[in-house]
PDB file of N, CA and C in Angstrom:
ATOM      1  N   MET A   1     114.610  74.270  99.847  1.00  0.00           N
ATOM      2  CA  MET A   1     114.019  75.342  99.785  1.00  0.00           C
ATOM      3  C   MET A   1     114.708  76.610  99.974  1.00  0.00           C
ATOM      4  N   SER A   2     115.019  77.233  99.130  1.00  0.00           N
ATOM      5  CA  SER A   2     116.496  78.140  99.945  1.00  0.00           C
ATOM      6  C   SER A   2     115.847  79.620 101.327  1.00  0.00           C
ATOM      7  N   SER A   3     117.065  80.039 101.530  1.00  0.00           N
ATOM      8  CA  SER A   3     117.011  80.765 102.629  1.00  0.00           C
ATOM      9  C   SER A   3     116.299  81.482 102.372  1.00  0.00           C
ATOM     10  N   GLY A   4     116.004  82.341 101.139  1.00  0.00           N
ATOM     11  CA  GLY A   4     115.519  83.541 100.565  1.00  0.00           C
ATOM     12  C   GLY A   4     113.751  83.098 100.027  1.00  0.00           C
ATOM     13  N   GLU A   5     113.677  81.755 100.130  1.00  0.00           N
ATOM     14  CA  GLU A   5     112.280  81.232  99.996  1.00  0.00           C
ATOM     15  C   GLU A   5     112.270  81.418 101.289  1.00  0.00           C
ATOM     16  N   ARG A   6     112.521  80.448 102.235  1.00  0.00           N
ATOM     17  CA  ARG A   6     111.888  80.971 103.212  1.00  0.00           C
ATOM     18  C   ARG A   6     112.220  82.491 104.407  1.00  0.00           C
ATOM     19  N   THR A   7     112.405  82.507 103.754  1.00  0.00           N
ATOM     20  CA  THR A   7     112.905  84.319 104.074  1.00  0.00           C
ATOM     21  C   THR A   7     111.269  84.774 103.829  1.00  0.00           C
ATOM     22  N   PHE A   8     111.311  84.933 102.351  1.00  0.00           N
ATOM     23  CA  PHE A   8     109.308  85.855 102.143  1.00  0.00           C
ATOM     24  C   PHE A   8     108.490  85.097 102.159  1.00  0.00           C
ATOM     25  N   LEU A   9     108.579  83.755 102.637  1.00  0.00           N
ATOM     26  CA  LEU A   9     107.549  82.960 103.115  1.00  0.00           C
ATOM     27  C   LEU A   9     107.010  83.582 104.658  1.00  0.00           C
ATOM     28  N   MET A  10     108.027  83.686 105.444  1.00  0.00           N
ATOM     29  CA  MET A  10     108.329  84.286 107.079  1.00  0.00           C
ATOM     30  C   MET A  10     107.725  85.467 106.818  1.00  0.00           C
ATOM     31  N   ILE A  11     107.527  86.725 105.685  1.00  0.00           N
ATOM     32  CA  ILE A  11     107.427  87.722 106.033  1.00  0.00           C
ATOM     33  C   ILE A  11     106.247  87.575 105.841  1.00  0.00           C
ATOM     34  N   VAL A  12     105.701  87.064 104.183  1.00  0.00           N
ATOM     35  CA  VAL A  12     104.095  87.311 103.950  1.00  0.00           C
ATOM     36  C   VAL A  12     103.421  86.007 105.042  1.00  0.00           C
ATOM     37  N   ALA A  13     104.112  85.392 105.779  1.00  0.00           N
ATOM     38  CA  ALA A  13     103.189  84.880 106.803  1.00  0.00           C
ATOM     39  C   ALA A  13     102.503  85.603 108.242  1.00  0.00           C
ATOM     40  N   SER A  14     103.942  86.673 108.177  1.00  0.00           N
ATOM     41  CA  SER A  14     103.799  88.146 108.874  1.00  0.00           C
ATOM     42  C   SER A  14     102.632  89.093 108.765  1.00  0.00           C
ATOM     43  N   LEU A  15     102.693  88.778 107.912  1.00  0.00           N
ATOM     44  CA  LEU A  15     101.239  90.069 107.053  1.00  0.00           C
ATOM     45  C   LEU A  15     100.272  89.907 107.469  1.00  0.00           C
ATOM     46  N   GLY A  16      99.871  87.729 107.189  1.00  0.00           N
ATOM     47  CA  GLY A  16      98.951  87.819 107.526  1.00  0.00           C
ATOM     48  C   GLY A  16      98.083  87.074 108.889  1.00  0.00           C
ATOM     49  N   SER A  17      99.221  87.035 109.812  1.00  0.00           N
ATOM     50  CA  SER A  17      98.901  86.231 110.942  1.00  0.00           C
ATOM     51  C   SER A  17      99.707  87.116 112.092  1.00  0.00           C
ATOM     52  N   ASP A  18      99.399  87.465 113.265  1.00  0.00           N
ATOM     53  CA  ASP A  18     100.027  87.897 113.926  1.00  0.00           C
ATOM     54  C   ASP A  18     100.549  87.334 114.685  1.00  0.00           C
ATOM     55  N   ALA A  19     100.552  85.926 115.063  1.00  0.00           N
ATOM     56  CA  ALA A  19     101.407  84.624 115.641  1.00  0.00           C
ATOM     57  C   ALA A  19     102.629  84.546 115.079  1.00  0.00           C
ATOM     58  N   VAL A  20     103.299  85.276 113.519  1.00  0.00           N
ATOM     59  CA  VAL A  20     104.145  84.952 112.976  1.00  0.00           C
ATOM     60  C   VAL A  20     105.188  86.430 113.292  1.00  0.00           C
ATOM     61  N   ASP A  21     106.473  86.392 113.973  1.00  0.00           N
ATOM     62  CA  ASP A  21     106.914  87.733 114.670  1.00  0.00           C
ATOM     63  C   ASP A  21     108.181  88.046 113.626  1.00  0.00           C
ATOM     64  N   VAL A  22     108.126  88.867 112.227  1.00  0.00           N
ATOM     65  CA  VAL A  22     109.554  89.004 111.302  1.00  0.00           C
ATOM     66  C   VAL A  22     110.395  90.052 111.814  1.00  0.00           C
ATOM     67  N   ASN A  23     111.502  90.708 112.475  1.00  0.00           N
ATOM     68  CA  ASN A  23     112.474  91.917 112.482  1.00  0.00           C
ATOM     69  C   ASN A  23     113.336  91.830 110.744  1.00  0.00           C
ATOM     70  N   LEU A  24     111.611  92.893 110.081  1.00  0.00           N
ATOM     71  CA  LEU A  24     111.822  93.072 108.849  1.00  0.00           C
ATOM     72  C   LEU A  24     113.615  93.887 109.111  1.00  0.00           C
ATOM     73  N   SER A  25     114.122  94.661 109.335  1.00  0.00           N
ATOM     74  CA  SER A  25     115.350  95.290 109.560  1.00  0.00           C
ATOM     75  C   SER A  25     116.767  93.871 109.269  1.00  0.00           C
ATOM     76  N   ASP A  26     116.255  92.705 109.483  1.00  0.00           N
ATOM     77  CA  ASP A  26     117.469  91.656 109.603  1.00  0.00           C
ATOM     78  C   ASP A  26     116.381  91.088 108.061  1.00  0.00           C
ATOM     79  N   THR A  27     115.830  90.820 107.872  1.00  0.00           N
ATOM     80  CA  THR A  27     115.394  90.111 106.971  1.00  0.00           C
ATOM     81  C   THR A  27     115.123  90.290 105.424  1.00  0.00           C
ATOM     82  N   ILE A  28     114.967  91.676 105.529  1.00  0.00           N
ATOM     83  CA  ILE A  28     114.599  92.452 103.774  1.00  0.00           C
ATOM     84  C   ILE A  28     115.921  92.077 103.225  1.00  0.00           C
ATOM     85  N   ILE A  29     117.025  92.487 104.096  1.00  0.00           N
ATOM     86  CA  ILE A  29     118.528  91.966 103.278  1.00  0.00           C
ATOM     87  C   ILE A  29     118.789  90.739 102.528  1.00  0.00           C
ATOM     88  N   ARG A  30     118.164  89.899 103.093  1.00  0.00           N
ATOM     89  CA  ARG A  30     118.627  88.307 102.490  1.00  0.00           C
ATOM     90  C   ARG A  30     117.798  88.283 101.547  1.00  0.00           C
ATOM     91  N   LEU A  31     117.468  89.582 100.485  1.00  0.00           N
ATOM     92  CA  LEU A  31     115.842  89.010  99.822  1.00  0.00           C
ATOM     93  C   LEU A  31     117.042  89.490  98.610  1.00  0.00           C
ATOM     94  N   ASP A  32     116.535  88.344  97.449  1.00  0.00           N
ATOM     95  CA  ASP A  32     117.375  89.360  96.392  1.00  0.00           C
ATOM     96  C   ASP A  32     116.238  90.034  95.603  1.00  0.00           C
ATOM     97  N   ARG A  33     116.704  90.732  93.808  1.00  0.00           N
ATOM     98  CA  ARG A  33     116.045  91.879  93.940  1.00  0.00           C
ATOM     99  C   ARG A  33     114.347  91.439  93.650  1.00  0.00           C
ATOM    100  N   PRO A  34     114.051  90.355  93.036  1.00  0.00           N
ATOM    101  CA  PRO A  34     113.143  89.671  91.878  1.00  0.00           C
ATOM    102  C   PRO A  34     111.897  89.239  93.412  1.00  0.00           C
ATOM    103  N   THR A  35     112.583  88.958  94.154  1.00  0.00           N
ATOM    104  CA  THR A  35     111.777  88.539  95.498  1.00  0.00           C
ATOM    105  C   THR A  35     111.176  90.216  96.720  1.00  0.00           C
ATOM    106  N   LEU A  36     112.354  90.605  96.365  1.00  0.00           N
ATOM    107  CA  LEU A  36     112.276  91.787  97.072  1.00  0.00           C
ATOM    108  C   LEU A  36     110.894  93.397  96.497  1.00  0.00           C
ATOM    109  N   GLU A  37     111.000  92.817  95.365  1.00  0.00           N
ATOM    110  CA  GLU A  37     109.429  93.292  94.947  1.00  0.00           C
ATOM    111  C   GLU A  37     108.440  92.424  95.025  1.00  0.00           C
ATOM    112  N   LEU A  38     108.382  91.601  95.135  1.00  0.00           N
ATOM    113  CA  LEU A  38     107.132  91.091  95.482  1.00  0.00           C
ATOM    114  C   LEU A  38     106.853  91.175  96.909  1.00  0.00           C
ATOM    115  N   VAL A  39     107.597  91.226  97.746  1.00  0.00           N
ATOM    116  CA  VAL A  39     107.650  91.803  98.969  1.00  0.00           C
ATOM    117  C   VAL A  39     106.694  93.620  99.274  1.00  0.00           C
ATOM    118  N   LEU A  40     107.542  94.708  98.120  1.00  0.00           N
ATOM    119  CA  LEU A  40     106.869  95.484  98.563  1.00  0.00           C
ATOM    120  C   LEU A  40     105.811  95.741  97.785  1.00  0.00           C
ATOM    121  N   ALA A  41     105.406  94.496  97.086  1.00  0.00           N
ATOM    122  CA  ALA A  41     103.790  95.073  96.143  1.00  0.00           C
ATOM    123  C   ALA A  41     103.304  94.446  97.590  1.00  0.00           C
ATOM    124  N   GLY A  42     103.863  93.234  98.176  1.00  0.00           N
ATOM    125  CA  GLY A  42     103.011  92.650  98.945  1.00  0.00           C
ATOM    126  C   GLY A  42     102.056  93.453  99.901  1.00  0.00           C
ATOM    127  N   ILE A  43     103.116  93.842 100.948  1.00  0.00           N
ATOM    128  CA  ILE A  43     103.116  95.202 102.048  1.00  0.00           C
ATOM    129  C   ILE A  43     102.200  96.209 101.416  1.00  0.00           C
ATOM    130  N   ALA A  44     101.989  96.796 100.410  1.00  0.00           N
ATOM    131  CA  ALA A  44     100.712  97.769  99.626  1.00  0.00           C
ATOM    132  C   ALA A  44     100.273  97.437  99.663  1.00  0.00           C
ATOM    133  N   HIS A  45     100.025  95.853  99.051  1.00  0.00           N
ATOM    134  CA  HIS A  45      98.668  95.486  99.240  1.00  0.00           C
ATOM    135  C   HIS A  45      98.079  94.986 100.135  1.00  0.00           C
ATOM    136  N   ALA A  46      98.393  94.434 101.164  1.00  0.00           N
ATOM    137  CA  ALA A  46      98.128  94.734 102.315  1.00  0.00           C
ATOM    138  C   ALA A  46      97.907  95.486 103.352  1.00  0.00           C
ATOM    139  N   ALA A  47      98.381  97.196 102.797  1.00  0.00           N
ATOM    140  CA  ALA A  47      97.871  98.073 103.800  1.00  0.00           C
ATOM    141  C   ALA A  47      96.707  99.052 103.304  1.00  0.00           C
ATOM    142  N   GLY A  48      96.069  98.749 101.948  1.00  0.00           N
ATOM    143  CA  GLY A  48      94.904  98.780 100.420  1.00  0.00           C
ATOM    144  C   GLY A  48      95.924  99.788 100.064  1.00  0.00           C
ATOM    145  N   SER A  49      96.739 100.228  99.366  1.00  0.00           N
ATOM    146  CA  SER A  49      97.250 101.161  98.942  1.00  0.00           C
ATOM    147  C   SER A  49      96.293 101.281  97.462  1.00  0.00           C
ATOM    148  N   HIS A  50      96.001  99.541  97.479  1.00  0.00           N
ATOM    149  CA  HIS A  50      95.315  99.489  95.401  1.00  0.00           C
ATOM    150  C   HIS A  50      93.720  99.976  95.846  1.00  0.00           C
ATOM    151  N   GLN A  51      93.311 100.618  96.964  1.00  0.00           N
ATOM    152  CA  GLN A  51      91.979 101.006  96.819  1.00  0.00           C
ATOM    153  C   GLN A  51      91.780 102.095  97.596  1.00  0.00           C
ATOM    154  N   HIS A  52      93.215 102.959  97.674  1.00  0.00           N
ATOM    155  CA  HIS A  52      92.781 104.496  97.931  1.00  0.00           C
ATOM    156  C   HIS A  52      92.027 105.467  96.732  1.00  0.00           C
ATOM    157  N   SER A  53      91.797 106.234  97.031  1.00  0.00           N
ATOM    158  CA  SER A  53      91.198 107.068  96.146  1.00  0.00           C
ATOM    159  C   SER A  53      91.693 108.873  96.429  1.00  0.00           C
ATOM    160  N   GLY A  54      91.945 109.797  95.561  1.00  0.00           N
ATOM    161  CA  GLY A  54      92.197 110.721  95.531  1.00  0.00           C
ATOM    162  C   GLY A  54      91.079 111.972  95.037  1.00  0.00           C
ATOM    163  N   LEU A  55      91.258 113.261  95.898  1.00  0.00           N
ATOM    164  CA  LEU A  55      90.380 114.227  94.743  1.00  0.00           C
ATOM    165  C   LEU A  55      90.817 114.708  93.705  1.00  0.00           C
ATOM    166  N   VAL A  56      89.675 114.940  92.519  1.00  0.00           N
ATOM    167  CA  VAL A  56      90.006 115.463  91.578  1.00  0.00           C
ATOM    168  C   VAL A  56      89.663 116.748  91.003  1.00  0.00           C
ATOM    169  N   HIS A  57      90.484 117.805  90.844  1.00  0.00           N
ATOM    170  CA  HIS A  57      90.371 119.615  90.575  1.00  0.00           C
ATOM    171  C   HIS A  57      90.007 119.520  89.259  1.00  0.00           C
ATOM    172  N   ASP A  58      89.100 120.658  89.722  1.00  0.00           N
ATOM    173  CA  ASP A  58      88.822 121.940  88.129  1.00  0.00           C
ATOM    174  C   ASP A  58      90.687 122.198  87.890  1.00  0.00           C
ATOM    175  N   ASP A  59      90.368 123.026  87.070  1.00  0.00           N
ATOM    176  CA  ASP A  59      91.209 124.001  86.761  1.00  0.00           C
ATOM    177  C   ASP A  59      91.689 125.132  87.591  1.00  0.00           C
ATOM    178  N   ALA A  60      90.157 125.355  88.646  1.00  0.00           N
ATOM    179  CA  ALA A  60      90.581 126.900  89.487  1.00  0.00           C
ATOM    180  C   ALA A  60      90.617 125.703  90.457  1.00  0.00           C
ATOM    181  N   GLY A  61      90.737 124.716  90.816  1.00  0.00           N
ATOM    182  CA  GLY A  61      91.347 123.940  92.204  1.00  0.00           C
ATOM    183  C   GLY A  61      90.513 123.588  92.621  1.00  0.00           C
ATOM    184  N   ALA A  62      88.989 123.593  92.678  1.00  0.00           N
ATOM    185  CA  ALA A  62      87.632 123.636  92.848  1.00  0.00           C
ATOM    186  C   ALA A  62      87.773 121.881  92.885  1.00  0.00           C
ATOM    187  N   ALA A  63      87.746 120.893  94.371  1.00  0.00           N
ATOM    188  CA  ALA A  63      87.393 119.231  94.106  1.00  0.00           C
ATOM    189  C   ALA A  63      85.818 118.995  92.878  1.00  0.00           C
ATOM    190  N   THR A  64      86.544 118.767  92.705  1.00  0.00           N
ATOM    191  CA  THR A  64      84.893 118.073  91.413  1.00  0.00           C
ATOM    192  C   THR A  64      84.444 116.682  91.674  1.00  0.00           C
ATOM    193  N   GLY A  65      85.548 115.927  92.062  1.00  0.00           N
ATOM    194  CA  GLY A  65      85.005 114.563  92.642  1.00  0.00           C
ATOM    195  C   GLY A  65      86.406 113.615  93.034  1.00  0.00           C
ATOM    196  N   PHE A  66      86.346 111.887  93.092  1.00  0.00           N
ATOM    197  CA  PHE A  66      87.272 111.142  93.014  1.00  0.00           C
ATOM    198  C   PHE A  66      87.752 110.269  92.110  1.00  0.00           C
ATOM    199  N   GLU A  67      88.747 110.179  92.192  1.00  0.00           N
ATOM    200  CA  GLU A  67      89.378 109.497  91.230  1.00  0.00           C
ATOM    201  C   GLU A  67      90.666 107.678  91.699  1.00  0.00           C
ATOM    202  N   GLN A  68      90.155 106.869  91.541  1.00  0.00           N
ATOM    203  CA  GLN A  68      91.387 105.741  92.120  1.00  0.00           C
ATOM    204  C   GLN A  68      92.256 105.849  91.677  1.00  0.00           C
ATOM    205  N   LEU A  69      93.303 105.931  92.327  1.00  0.00           N
ATOM    206  CA  LEU A  69      94.938 105.339  92.202  1.00  0.00           C
ATOM    207  C   LEU A  69      95.074 104.358  92.242  1.00  0.00           C
ATOM    208  N   SER A  70      96.458 104.343  91.580  1.00  0.00           N
ATOM    209  CA  SER A  70      96.692 102.899  91.654  1.00  0.00           C
ATOM    210  C   SER A  70      97.735 103.234  92.742  1.00  0.00           C
ATOM    211  N   SER A  71      98.123 101.287  93.017  1.00  0.00           N
ATOM    212  CA  SER A  71      99.229 100.631  93.479  1.00  0.00           C
ATOM    213  C   SER A  71     100.017 101.067  93.651  1.00  0.00           C
ATOM    214  N   LEU A  72     100.822 101.432  95.365  1.00  0.00           N
ATOM    215  CA  LEU A  72     101.851 102.382  95.820  1.00  0.00           C
ATOM    216  C   LEU A  72     103.098 101.667  95.455  1.00  0.00           C
ATOM    217  N   TYR A  73     102.940 100.188  95.318  1.00  0.00           N
ATOM    218  CA  TYR A  73     103.692  99.529  94.722  1.00  0.00           C
ATOM    219  C   TYR A  73     103.636  98.572  93.466  1.00  0.00           C
ATOM    220  N   PRO A  74     103.114  98.371  92.556  1.00  0.00           N
ATOM    221  CA  PRO A  74     101.738  97.120  91.747  1.00  0.00           C
ATOM    222  C   PRO A  74     103.207  96.067  91.635  1.00  0.00           C
ATOM    223  N   TRP A  75     102.359  94.709  91.556  1.00  0.00           N
ATOM    224  CA  TRP A  75     103.039  93.403  91.799  1.00  0.00           C
ATOM    225  C   TRP A  75     103.696  93.766  90.339  1.00  0.00           C
ATOM    226  N   PRO A  76     104.952  93.038  89.888  1.00  0.00           N
ATOM    227  CA  PRO A  76     106.192  93.133  89.000  1.00  0.00           C
ATOM    228  C   PRO A  76     105.103  92.814  87.576  1.00  0.00           C
ATOM    229  N   ALA A  77     105.067  93.377  86.654  1.00  0.00           N
ATOM    230  CA  ALA A  77     104.859  93.227  85.280  1.00  0.00           C
ATOM    231  C   ALA A  77     104.703  91.838  85.023  1.00  0.00           C
ATOM    232  N   ARG A  78     106.639  91.191  84.901  1.00  0.00           N
ATOM    233  CA  ARG A  78     106.771  89.979  84.424  1.00  0.00           C
ATOM    234  C   ARG A  78     107.159  89.419  85.359  1.00  0.00           C
ATOM    235  N   PRO A  79     106.835  87.984  85.081  1.00  0.00           N
ATOM    236  CA  PRO A  79     106.644  86.933  86.076  1.00  0.00           C
ATOM    237  C   PRO A  79     107.581  86.876  86.263  1.00  0.00           C
ATOM    238  N   THR A  80     108.088  86.522  87.819  1.00  0.00           N
ATOM    239  CA  THR A  80     109.818  86.028  88.891  1.00  0.00           C
ATOM    240  C   THR A  80     109.805  85.326  89.088  1.00  0.00           C
ATOM    241  N   THR A  81     108.723  83.743  88.750  1.00  0.00           N
ATOM    242  CA  THR A  81     108.883  82.524  88.783  1.00  0.00           C
ATOM    243  C   THR A  81     109.191  81.855  87.841  1.00  0.00           C
ATOM    244  N   PRO A  82     109.604  80.755  88.087  1.00  0.00           N
ATOM    245  CA  PRO A  82     110.346  79.435  86.810  1.00  0.00           C
ATOM    246  C   PRO A  82     109.106  78.751  86.705  1.00  0.00           C
ATOM    247  N   GLY A  83     108.475  79.530  84.500  1.00  0.00           N
ATOM    248  CA  GLY A  83     107.114  78.597  84.300  1.00  0.00           C
ATOM    249  C   GLY A  83     106.091  79.265  84.358  1.00  0.00           C
ATOM    250  N   ALA A  84     106.267  80.681  84.732  1.00  0.00           N
ATOM    251  CA  ALA A  84     105.381  81.700  84.577  1.00  0.00           C
ATOM    252  C   ALA A  84     105.464  82.370  83.417  1.00  0.00           C
ATOM    253  N   GLY A  85     104.962  81.500  82.260  1.00  0.00           N
ATOM    254  CA  GLY A  85     105.306  82.589  80.975  1.00  0.00           C
ATOM    255  C   GLY A  85     103.524  83.761  80.351  1.00  0.00           C
ATOM    256  N   ARG A  86     102.878  83.417  81.166  1.00  0.00           N
ATOM    257  CA  ARG A  86     101.796  84.052  80.840  1.00  0.00           C
ATOM    258  C   ARG A  86     101.999  85.872  81.525  1.00  0.00           C
ATOM    259  N   SER A  87     101.262  86.271  80.553  1.00  0.00           N
ATOM    260  CA  SER A  87     100.864  87.696  81.540  1.00  0.00           C
ATOM    261  C   SER A  87      99.859  88.375  80.570  1.00  0.00           C
ATOM    262  N   CYS A  88      99.205  89.797  81.492  1.00  0.00           N
ATOM    263  CA  CYS A  88      97.978  89.782  81.311  1.00  0.00           C
ATOM    264  C   CYS A  88      98.038  91.345  81.908  1.00  0.00           C
ATOM    265  N   SER A  89      96.645  92.074  81.488  1.00  0.00           N
ATOM    266  CA  SER A  89      96.527  93.624  81.820  1.00  0.00           C
ATOM    267  C   SER A  89      95.122  93.597  82.227  1.00  0.00           C
ATOM    268  N   THR A  90      95.366  94.535  83.534  1.00  0.00           N
ATOM    269  CA  THR A  90      94.113  94.976  83.696  1.00  0.00           C
ATOM    270  C   THR A  90      93.718  96.508  84.250  1.00  0.00           C
ATOM    271  N   GLY A  91      94.317  97.594  83.379  1.00  0.00           N
ATOM    272  CA  GLY A  91      94.582  98.855  83.444  1.00  0.00           C
ATOM    273  C   GLY A  91      95.599  99.334  84.244  1.00  0.00           C
ATOM    274  N   ARG A  92      94.656  99.831  85.235  1.00  0.00           N
ATOM    275  CA  ARG A  92      95.720 100.984  85.694  1.00  0.00           C
ATOM    276  C   ARG A  92      96.854 100.324  86.995  1.00  0.00           C
ATOM    277  N   SER A  93      96.197  98.594  87.092  1.00  0.00           N
ATOM    278  CA  SER A  93      96.359  98.805  88.416  1.00  0.00           C
ATOM    279  C   SER A  93      97.904  97.160  88.068  1.00  0.00           C
ATOM    280  N   ARG A  94      98.104  96.822  88.255  1.00  0.00           N
ATOM    281  CA  ARG A  94      99.115  95.232  88.738  1.00  0.00           C
ATOM    282  C   ARG A  94      98.737  94.337  89.300  1.00  0.00           C
ATOM    283  N   LEU A  95      97.654  92.678  89.617  1.00  0.00           N
ATOM    284  CA  LEU A  95      97.329  92.184  89.911  1.00  0.00           C
ATOM    285  C   LEU A  95      97.676  90.833  90.074  1.00  0.00           C
ATOM    286  N   PRO A  96      98.013  89.907  90.839  1.00  0.00           N
ATOM    287  CA  PRO A  96      97.961  88.718  90.289  1.00  0.00           C
ATOM    288  C   PRO A  96      97.146  88.202  89.624  1.00  0.00           C
ATOM    289  N   CYS A  97      97.304  87.307  88.265  1.00  0.00           N
ATOM    290  CA  CYS A  97      96.259  86.684  87.478  1.00  0.00           C
ATOM    291  C   CYS A  97      95.149  85.533  88.880  1.00  0.00           C
ATOM    292  N   SER A  98      94.653  84.876  87.353  1.00  0.00           N
ATOM    293  CA  SER A  98      92.979  84.245  88.547  1.00  0.00           C
ATOM    294  C   SER A  98      94.707  82.651  88.842  1.00  0.00           C
ATOM    295  N   PRO A  99      93.719  82.325  90.558  1.00  0.00           N
ATOM    296  CA  PRO A  99      94.487  81.871  90.913  1.00  0.00           C
ATOM    297  C   PRO A  99      95.086  80.026  90.345  1.00  0.00           C
ATOM    298  N   GLU A 100      94.332  79.828  89.355  1.00  0.00           N
ATOM    299  CA  GLU A 100      94.779  78.996  88.713  1.00  0.00           C
ATOM    300  C   GLU A 100      95.680  79.241  88.021  1.00  0.00           C
ATOM    301  N   SER A 101      96.634  80.443  87.012  1.00  0.00           N
ATOM    302  CA  SER A 101      97.297  80.635  86.657  1.00  0.00           C
ATOM    303  C   SER A 101      98.476  80.619  87.221  1.00  0.00           C
ATOM    304  N   SER A 102     100.001  80.707  86.688  1.00  0.00           N
ATOM    305  CA  SER A 102     101.031  81.548  87.359  1.00  0.00           C
ATOM    306  C   SER A 102     101.695  82.783  86.818  1.00  0.00           C
ATOM    307  N   CYS A 103     101.052  83.546  86.657  1.00  0.00           N
ATOM    308  CA  CYS A 103     101.426  84.820  86.302  1.00  0.00           C
ATOM    309  C   CYS A 103     101.036  85.987  87.075  1.00  0.00           C
ATOM    310  N   TRP A 104     101.974  87.045  86.608  1.00  0.00           N
ATOM    311  CA  TRP A 104     101.509  88.327  87.183  1.00  0.00           C
ATOM    312  C   TRP A 104     101.137  89.252  86.541  1.00  0.00           C
ATOM    313  N   CYS A 105     100.503  89.882  87.185  1.00  0.00           N
ATOM    314  CA  CYS A 105     100.693  90.998  86.138  1.00  0.00           C
ATOM    315  C   CYS A 105     100.352  92.430  86.514  1.00  0.00           C
TER     316      CYS A 105
END
């Protein structure tokens, strides 16, 4: 396992557990661009940005309802791992494909 892969896994583990302590200022500088994309998307997802909504306003500025906002930083559109050749579309947001596949949407 490369040092970048170890760094990525430590960051992911820290998002899911209080037992793993990661200093982001020391770790993110070791990530390559595709891995950094995954980390940014993971942080946005962990923060719930894919579930946020915003007000819809009419031409007069009055609130008329809500709309679901897209993720603040969506999952990468193209596969970032070797052998992940399939892609799919889910509309406004980009999410991992089904657990049995190895693609990103």
